[in-house]
Amino acid sequence: MEFNLKKMNEFVLQYAIYGVLVALIVAISIYNSNFLSINTLRDILMQSSTRVIIALGAGFVLITAGTDLSAGRVVGLAAVISASMLQVADYSRRFYPDLPDMPIWIPILVAIFAGLIVGILNGWIVAQLRVPPFIATLGTYVAVYGINSIYFDTKPNESQPIGGLRPDFTQMGSGSFGTGPYSIPYIVVIALAVAFIVWVIFNKTKLGKNMYAIGGNVNAATVAGINVSRNLITIYAIAGALYGVAGVLEAARTGGATNNYGNMYELDAIAACVVGGVSTTGGIGTVPGILVGVVIFTVINYGLTFVGMNPYWQLIIKGLIIVAAVAVDIRKYISRK
């Protein structure tokens, strides 16, 4: 009986997150039955898409027992860069008045590359200068926001919201396969494709195995012959590139960009990862858990707004869920010890 109770306790701790999601959906649906509709599900998935990609990037870093506070500002940088080069030719306030139309993939790659460079810088500071990840990424958080704001303030834009984006670009964020309520948004498909690629990296590659080893015990990983510095730089670089992808999609989804895009997204991403089972002590985390964590927070934001709850109560509920998730994580860590 003691063995069965222990197994049951482990099962509850492992899959409690899925029960929380189901409970949230059931509770909101009881209050307002219209919540259970195809349109609502579609909206939740669309709102979750960019957040999923950001959270997956944050998940890479968290599994190595690090943290990345620069994520949201990198999202904003990528959004501004891509939007500034993808405006229609006859828009009255073009960021680049004389810039000819170019293939859509060029500005997108430039924006993602900018995120990649920030990620490499983060990884280098952490791995080579041995600066704690919290401080290193806090520094780049501030610096990237400054760089983005200077770029955003250049003439003739001078800090005006960037609008008038090309239809072929905005289609990425608002278009869909098919028509009607059962259509599948492009942005959801892109997010799922990114999630699958990340799952492969986590579970089927040497980098993924090294990532878990570094997060589990960095000294043991070093003794085992893992090049910790090189792997950390690679991991932070991938995270930065993912933030860049999210920034591009966020600009496409909203049809514009400002230097404040992505503000505080990193906290939502970290919270979603922790709620989704990524350990704050490193070495543990799964892609499905991260996906569910993001959806939970989207359901909270969307669902509680749907039933007319005061936004401040939403923050209280989100805070309680985060504390509960960390408490469960600590229990797991203590039981492993």
Protein backbone atom coordinates (compact mmCIF):
# COMPACT_ATOMS: atom_id res chain seq x y z
CA MET A 1 0.00 0.00 0.00
CA GLU A 2 2.87 2.38 0.80
CA PHE A 3 4.35 1.65 -2.63
CA ASN A 4 1.02 2.33 -4.34
CA LEU A 5 0.58 5.62 -2.46
CA LYS A 6 4.06 6.68 -3.50
CA LYS A 7 3.35 5.81 -7.15
CA MET A 8 0.03 7.64 -6.97
CA ASN A 9 1.72 10.72 -5.48
CA GLU A 10 4.32 10.70 -8.27
CA PHE A 11 1.57 10.37 -10.88
CA VAL A 12 -0.36 13.32 -9.46
CA LEU A 13 2.76 15.48 -9.32
CA GLN A 14 3.68 14.52 -12.90
CA TYR A 15 0.30 15.14 -14.52
CA ALA A 16 -1.28 17.76 -12.23
CA ILE A 17 -0.74 20.42 -14.91
CA TYR A 18 -3.14 18.72 -17.31
CA GLY A 19 -5.75 18.49 -14.58
CA VAL A 20 -5.40 22.22 -13.94
CA LEU A 21 -6.06 22.97 -17.63
CA VAL A 22 -9.13 20.73 -17.74
CA ALA A 23 -10.45 22.22 -14.49
CA LEU A 24 -10.05 25.76 -15.84
CA ILE A 25 -11.91 24.95 -19.05
CA VAL A 26 -14.72 23.16 -17.20
CA ALA A 27 -15.13 25.96 -14.64
CA ILE A 28 -15.29 28.71 -17.28
CA SER A 29 -17.63 26.64 -19.45
CA ILE A 30 -20.03 26.11 -16.53
CA TYR A 31 -20.14 29.85 -16.00
CA ASN A 32 -20.61 30.56 -19.72
CA SER A 33 -21.34 27.64 -22.06
CA ASN A 34 -20.39 29.73 -25.10
CA PHE A 35 -16.77 29.30 -24.09
CA LEU A 36 -16.82 25.78 -25.55
CA SER A 37 -16.91 26.75 -29.22
CA ILE A 38 -14.68 26.32 -32.25
CA ASN A 39 -14.17 30.09 -32.55
CA THR A 40 -13.02 30.34 -28.94
CA LEU A 41 -10.58 27.45 -29.38
CA ARG A 42 -9.26 29.08 -32.56
CA ASP A 43 -8.73 32.40 -30.80
CA ILE A 44 -6.94 30.74 -27.88
CA LEU A 45 -4.62 28.85 -30.21
CA MET A 46 -3.82 32.00 -32.21
CA GLN A 47 -3.06 33.98 -29.07
CA SER A 48 -0.92 31.12 -27.76
CA SER A 49 1.15 30.71 -30.92
CA THR A 50 3.79 33.41 -30.48
CA ARG A 51 3.88 32.82 -26.72
CA VAL A 52 4.61 29.13 -27.35
CA ILE A 53 7.65 29.96 -29.45
CA ILE A 54 8.97 32.39 -26.82
CA ALA A 55 8.38 29.83 -24.06
CA LEU A 56 10.19 27.13 -26.02
CA GLY A 57 13.20 29.43 -26.30
CA ALA A 58 13.04 30.17 -22.58
CA GLY A 59 12.72 26.42 -21.95
CA PHE A 60 16.12 25.76 -23.55
CA VAL A 61 17.77 28.15 -21.11
CA LEU A 62 15.81 27.06 -18.02
CA ILE A 63 16.70 23.40 -18.55
CA THR A 64 20.38 24.38 -18.30
CA ALA A 65 19.55 25.94 -14.89
CA GLY A 66 19.74 29.43 -16.38
CA THR A 67 17.22 32.14 -17.12
CA ASP A 68 16.74 34.64 -19.94
CA LEU A 69 15.26 38.03 -19.12
CA SER A 70 16.05 39.47 -22.56
CA ALA A 71 13.43 37.40 -24.40
CA GLY A 72 10.69 40.04 -24.55
CA ARG A 73 13.01 42.80 -25.74
CA VAL A 74 14.40 40.54 -28.47
CA VAL A 75 10.83 39.89 -29.58
CA GLY A 76 10.30 43.65 -29.81
CA LEU A 77 13.55 44.14 -31.75
CA ALA A 78 12.63 41.46 -34.30
CA ALA A 79 9.11 42.86 -34.66
CA VAL A 80 10.38 46.38 -35.36
CA ILE A 81 13.09 45.24 -37.77
CA SER A 82 10.76 43.05 -39.84
CA ALA A 83 7.90 45.57 -39.83
CA SER A 84 10.18 48.47 -40.80
CA MET A 85 11.20 46.72 -44.01
CA LEU A 86 7.83 45.24 -44.98
CA GLN A 87 5.56 48.28 -45.41
CA VAL A 88 3.46 48.85 -48.53
CA ALA A 89 4.98 51.23 -51.08
CA ASP A 90 2.24 53.89 -50.83
CA TYR A 91 2.14 54.12 -47.02
CA SER A 92 2.44 57.76 -45.96
CA ARG A 93 4.91 57.18 -43.12
CA ARG A 94 7.27 54.57 -44.47
CA PHE A 95 10.23 53.75 -42.26
CA TYR A 96 12.41 53.52 -45.38
CA PRO A 97 10.78 55.80 -47.99
CA ASP A 98 13.09 54.72 -50.84
CA LEU A 99 13.36 51.03 -49.98
CA PRO A 100 12.10 48.90 -52.89
CA ASP A 101 9.89 45.89 -52.27
CA MET A 102 12.01 42.85 -51.56
CA PRO A 103 11.26 39.15 -51.14
CA ILE A 104 9.48 38.67 -47.82
CA TRP A 105 12.02 36.17 -46.55
CA ILE A 106 14.89 38.71 -46.53
CA PRO A 107 13.51 41.01 -43.77
CA ILE A 108 12.30 37.96 -41.86
CA LEU A 109 15.77 36.40 -41.90
CA VAL A 110 17.35 39.72 -40.92
CA ALA A 111 15.02 39.95 -37.90
CA ILE A 112 15.66 36.36 -36.85
CA PHE A 113 19.41 36.88 -37.31
CA ALA A 114 19.23 39.88 -34.96
CA GLY A 115 17.68 37.60 -32.32
CA LEU A 116 20.36 34.99 -32.99
CA ILE A 117 23.14 37.56 -32.41
CA VAL A 118 21.64 38.62 -29.07
CA GLY A 119 21.38 34.95 -28.08
CA ILE A 120 25.02 34.32 -28.97
CA LEU A 121 26.02 37.38 -26.93
CA ASN A 122 24.00 36.09 -23.95
CA GLY A 123 25.60 32.67 -24.22
CA TRP A 124 29.10 34.10 -24.53
CA ILE A 125 28.67 36.33 -21.47
CA VAL A 126 27.33 33.40 -19.42
CA ALA A 127 29.75 30.74 -20.68
CA GLN A 128 32.98 32.71 -21.13
CA LEU A 129 32.71 35.61 -18.68
CA ARG A 130 30.95 33.41 -16.09
CA VAL A 131 28.34 36.08 -15.39
CA PRO A 132 25.21 34.59 -13.76
CA PRO A 133 22.46 34.21 -16.40
CA PHE A 134 20.05 36.44 -14.48
CA ILE A 135 22.51 39.37 -14.51
CA ALA A 136 23.83 38.72 -18.02
CA THR A 137 20.40 38.68 -19.62
CA LEU A 138 19.21 41.59 -17.49
CA GLY A 139 22.05 43.60 -19.02
CA THR A 140 21.14 42.60 -22.57
CA TYR A 141 17.46 43.25 -21.76
CA VAL A 142 18.31 46.90 -21.08
CA ALA A 143 20.79 47.21 -23.95
CA VAL A 144 18.51 45.64 -26.57
CA TYR A 145 15.64 47.91 -25.56
CA GLY A 146 17.95 50.90 -25.94
CA ILE A 147 19.15 49.77 -29.37
CA ASN A 148 15.61 49.09 -30.52
CA SER A 149 14.40 52.48 -29.25
CA ILE A 150 17.21 54.32 -31.07
CA TYR A 151 16.40 52.45 -34.28
CA PHE A 152 12.68 53.11 -33.80
CA ASP A 153 13.34 56.83 -33.25
CA THR A 154 15.35 57.38 -36.44
CA LYS A 155 14.04 59.79 -39.06
CA PRO A 156 11.58 59.86 -40.68
CA ASN A 157 9.81 57.47 -38.29
CA GLU A 158 10.70 59.29 -35.06
CA SER A 159 9.03 56.81 -32.69
CA GLN A 160 5.73 56.57 -34.58
CA PRO A 161 4.03 53.14 -34.51
CA ILE A 162 4.99 51.19 -37.62
CA GLY A 163 1.93 50.35 -39.71
CA GLY A 164 0.88 49.75 -43.30
CA LEU A 165 2.45 46.30 -43.48
CA ARG A 166 2.37 44.32 -46.69
CA PRO A 167 -0.55 41.86 -47.05
CA ASP A 168 1.76 38.95 -47.86
CA PHE A 169 3.41 39.53 -44.48
CA THR A 170 0.29 40.04 -42.38
CA GLN A 171 -1.20 36.90 -43.93
CA MET A 172 1.33 34.91 -41.91
CA GLY A 173 -0.32 36.12 -38.72
CA SER A 174 -3.97 36.36 -39.75
CA GLY A 175 -4.42 33.99 -42.70
CA SER A 176 -5.50 30.38 -42.51
CA PHE A 177 -5.81 27.13 -44.39
CA GLY A 178 -9.45 26.86 -45.49
CA THR A 179 -12.36 29.09 -44.59
CA GLY A 180 -15.02 29.21 -41.90
CA PRO A 181 -14.80 28.24 -38.22
CA TYR A 182 -12.85 25.04 -38.98
CA SER A 183 -10.03 26.83 -40.80
CA ILE A 184 -6.51 26.34 -39.43
CA PRO A 185 -4.53 29.57 -38.91
CA TYR A 186 -1.08 29.71 -40.49
CA ILE A 187 0.42 31.01 -37.27
CA VAL A 188 -0.80 27.96 -35.35
CA VAL A 189 0.74 25.61 -37.93
CA ILE A 190 4.03 27.52 -37.74
CA ALA A 191 4.03 27.31 -33.92
CA LEU A 192 3.35 23.56 -34.02
CA ALA A 193 6.13 23.07 -36.57
CA VAL A 194 8.56 24.96 -34.35
CA ALA A 195 7.41 22.92 -31.34
CA PHE A 196 8.06 19.69 -33.25
CA ILE A 197 11.56 20.82 -34.23
CA VAL A 198 12.30 21.75 -30.62
CA TRP A 199 10.95 18.36 -29.46
CA VAL A 200 13.38 16.65 -31.84
CA ILE A 201 16.27 18.74 -30.49
CA PHE A 202 15.28 17.99 -26.89
CA ASN A 203 14.86 14.26 -27.37
CA LYS A 204 16.79 13.07 -30.41
CA THR A 205 20.00 15.09 -30.62
CA LYS A 206 23.33 15.23 -28.84
CA LEU A 207 22.70 18.89 -28.02
CA GLY A 208 19.49 17.93 -26.23
CA LYS A 209 21.23 15.26 -24.16
CA ASN A 210 24.01 17.67 -23.28
CA MET A 211 21.48 20.35 -22.35
CA TYR A 212 19.80 18.08 -19.80
CA ALA A 213 23.18 16.93 -18.49
CA ILE A 214 24.40 20.51 -17.97
CA GLY A 215 21.19 21.45 -16.17
CA GLY A 216 21.27 18.32 -14.03
CA ASN A 217 24.87 18.70 -12.85
CA VAL A 218 27.27 20.97 -14.69
CA ASN A 219 30.33 19.54 -12.91
CA ALA A 220 29.40 15.98 -13.85
CA ALA A 221 28.77 17.13 -17.43
CA THR A 222 32.25 18.66 -17.57
CA VAL A 223 33.85 15.49 -16.20
CA ALA A 224 31.92 13.47 -18.81
CA GLY A 225 33.67 15.43 -21.55
CA ILE A 226 30.85 17.79 -22.54
CA ASN A 227 32.03 21.16 -23.82
CA VAL A 228 29.80 23.20 -21.54
CA SER A 229 30.76 26.61 -22.94
CA ARG A 230 30.10 25.67 -26.56
CA ASN A 231 26.80 24.01 -25.72
CA LEU A 232 25.62 26.98 -23.64
CA ILE A 233 26.41 29.44 -26.44
CA THR A 234 24.53 27.21 -28.91
CA ILE A 235 21.53 26.91 -26.59
CA TYR A 236 21.29 30.65 -25.97
CA ALA A 237 21.70 31.26 -29.70
CA ILE A 238 18.79 28.95 -30.52
CA ALA A 239 16.70 30.67 -27.85
CA GLY A 240 17.50 34.07 -29.38
CA ALA A 241 16.56 32.87 -32.85
CA LEU A 242 13.24 31.56 -31.51
CA TYR A 243 12.52 34.95 -29.94
CA GLY A 244 13.26 36.44 -33.34
CA VAL A 245 10.73 34.12 -35.01
CA ALA A 246 8.15 35.06 -32.39
CA GLY A 247 8.79 38.77 -32.95
CA VAL A 248 8.27 38.43 -36.69
CA LEU A 249 5.01 36.54 -36.16
CA GLU A 250 3.83 39.04 -33.55
CA ALA A 251 4.30 41.90 -36.03
CA ALA A 252 2.48 39.91 -38.71
CA ARG A 253 -0.36 38.98 -36.34
CA THR A 254 -0.99 42.52 -35.08
CA GLY A 255 -0.22 44.32 -38.34
CA GLY A 256 2.34 46.67 -36.83
CA ALA A 257 5.11 47.15 -34.31
CA THR A 258 6.57 49.54 -31.74
CA ASN A 259 9.69 49.42 -29.59
CA ASN A 260 7.52 48.32 -26.65
CA TYR A 261 6.43 45.08 -28.31
CA GLY A 262 7.30 42.05 -26.22
CA ASN A 263 7.43 43.94 -22.94
CA MET A 264 7.20 41.46 -20.03
CA TYR A 265 6.74 38.52 -22.40
CA GLU A 266 9.78 36.89 -20.84
CA LEU A 267 8.02 36.65 -17.47
CA ASP A 268 4.98 35.01 -19.05
CA ALA A 269 7.27 32.60 -20.89
CA ILE A 270 9.21 31.65 -17.77
CA ALA A 271 5.97 31.26 -15.80
CA ALA A 272 4.47 29.05 -18.51
CA CYS A 273 7.59 26.86 -18.51
CA VAL A 274 7.55 26.47 -14.72
CA VAL A 275 3.82 25.72 -14.70
CA GLY A 276 4.45 23.26 -17.53
CA GLY A 277 6.95 21.27 -15.48
CA VAL A 278 10.30 22.80 -16.43
CA SER A 279 12.34 22.60 -13.23
CA THR A 280 13.72 25.81 -11.76
CA THR A 281 16.76 23.79 -10.68
CA GLY A 282 17.55 22.64 -14.22
CA GLY A 283 17.73 19.29 -15.99
CA ILE A 284 13.97 18.70 -16.34
CA GLY A 285 11.42 19.87 -18.89
CA THR A 286 9.38 18.68 -21.86
CA VAL A 287 7.90 20.31 -24.94
CA PRO A 288 4.33 19.05 -24.25
CA GLY A 289 4.54 20.48 -20.72
CA ILE A 290 5.64 23.87 -22.05
CA LEU A 291 2.79 23.87 -24.58
CA VAL A 292 0.23 23.13 -21.87
CA GLY A 293 1.74 25.79 -19.61
CA VAL A 294 1.32 28.43 -22.33
CA VAL A 295 -2.25 27.32 -23.07
CA ILE A 296 -3.14 27.49 -19.36
CA PHE A 297 -2.10 31.14 -19.14
CA THR A 298 -3.88 31.93 -22.41
CA VAL A 299 -7.04 30.27 -21.10
CA ILE A 300 -6.75 32.34 -17.91
CA ASN A 301 -6.32 35.60 -19.85
CA TYR A 302 -8.93 34.85 -22.48
CA GLY A 303 -11.38 32.86 -20.39
CA LEU A 304 -11.59 35.17 -17.41
CA THR A 305 -11.97 38.16 -19.74
CA PHE A 306 -14.65 36.14 -21.55
CA VAL A 307 -16.68 35.86 -18.35
CA GLY A 308 -16.08 39.50 -17.43
CA MET A 309 -13.75 39.04 -14.47
CA ASN A 310 -11.75 42.02 -13.26
CA PRO A 311 -8.24 41.91 -14.83
CA TYR A 312 -6.64 42.40 -11.41
CA TRP A 313 -8.20 39.14 -10.22
CA GLN A 314 -6.66 37.47 -13.24
CA LEU A 315 -3.21 38.57 -12.06
CA ILE A 316 -3.90 37.17 -8.59
CA ILE A 317 -4.96 33.80 -10.02
CA LYS A 318 -1.92 33.67 -12.31
CA GLY A 319 0.35 34.47 -9.37
CA LEU A 320 -1.16 31.71 -7.22
CA ILE A 321 -0.75 29.18 -10.04
CA ILE A 322 2.92 30.14 -10.47
CA VAL A 323 3.62 29.80 -6.72
CA ALA A 324 1.83 26.43 -6.63
CA ALA A 325 3.83 25.20 -9.64
CA VAL A 326 7.15 26.18 -8.08
CA ALA A 327 6.11 24.55 -4.78
CA VAL A 328 5.38 21.30 -6.63
CA ASP A 329 8.72 21.58 -8.44
CA ILE A 330 10.58 22.01 -5.16
CA ARG A 331 8.78 18.96 -3.75
CA LYS A 332 9.98 16.94 -6.73
CA TYR A 333 13.53 18.22 -6.24
CA ILE A 334 13.54 17.36 -2.55
CA SER A 335 12.15 13.88 -3.19
CA ARG A 336 14.88 13.26 -5.79
CA LYS A 337 17.52 14.29 -3.26
